[in-house]
Amino acid sequence: MRVKITLECTDCKQRNYNLMKDKKAHPERMETKKYCKFCKKHTMHKETK
């Protein structure tokens, strides 16, 4: 089952990325290091609802 998720920057709290994730293979919340255009640097992004 693939679901839409939103990634939020941990520094500025902006919601930057929308992705699709396979919930059956990865049931835990996603956390990756991505570029934030508001901070203008690479920061940790966490999955939100």
Foldseek 3Di string as FASTA:
>chain_A
DKDKWWWAFPPPRDTDDIDIDDCVVPVDKDKDWDADPVVRGTGIITTDD
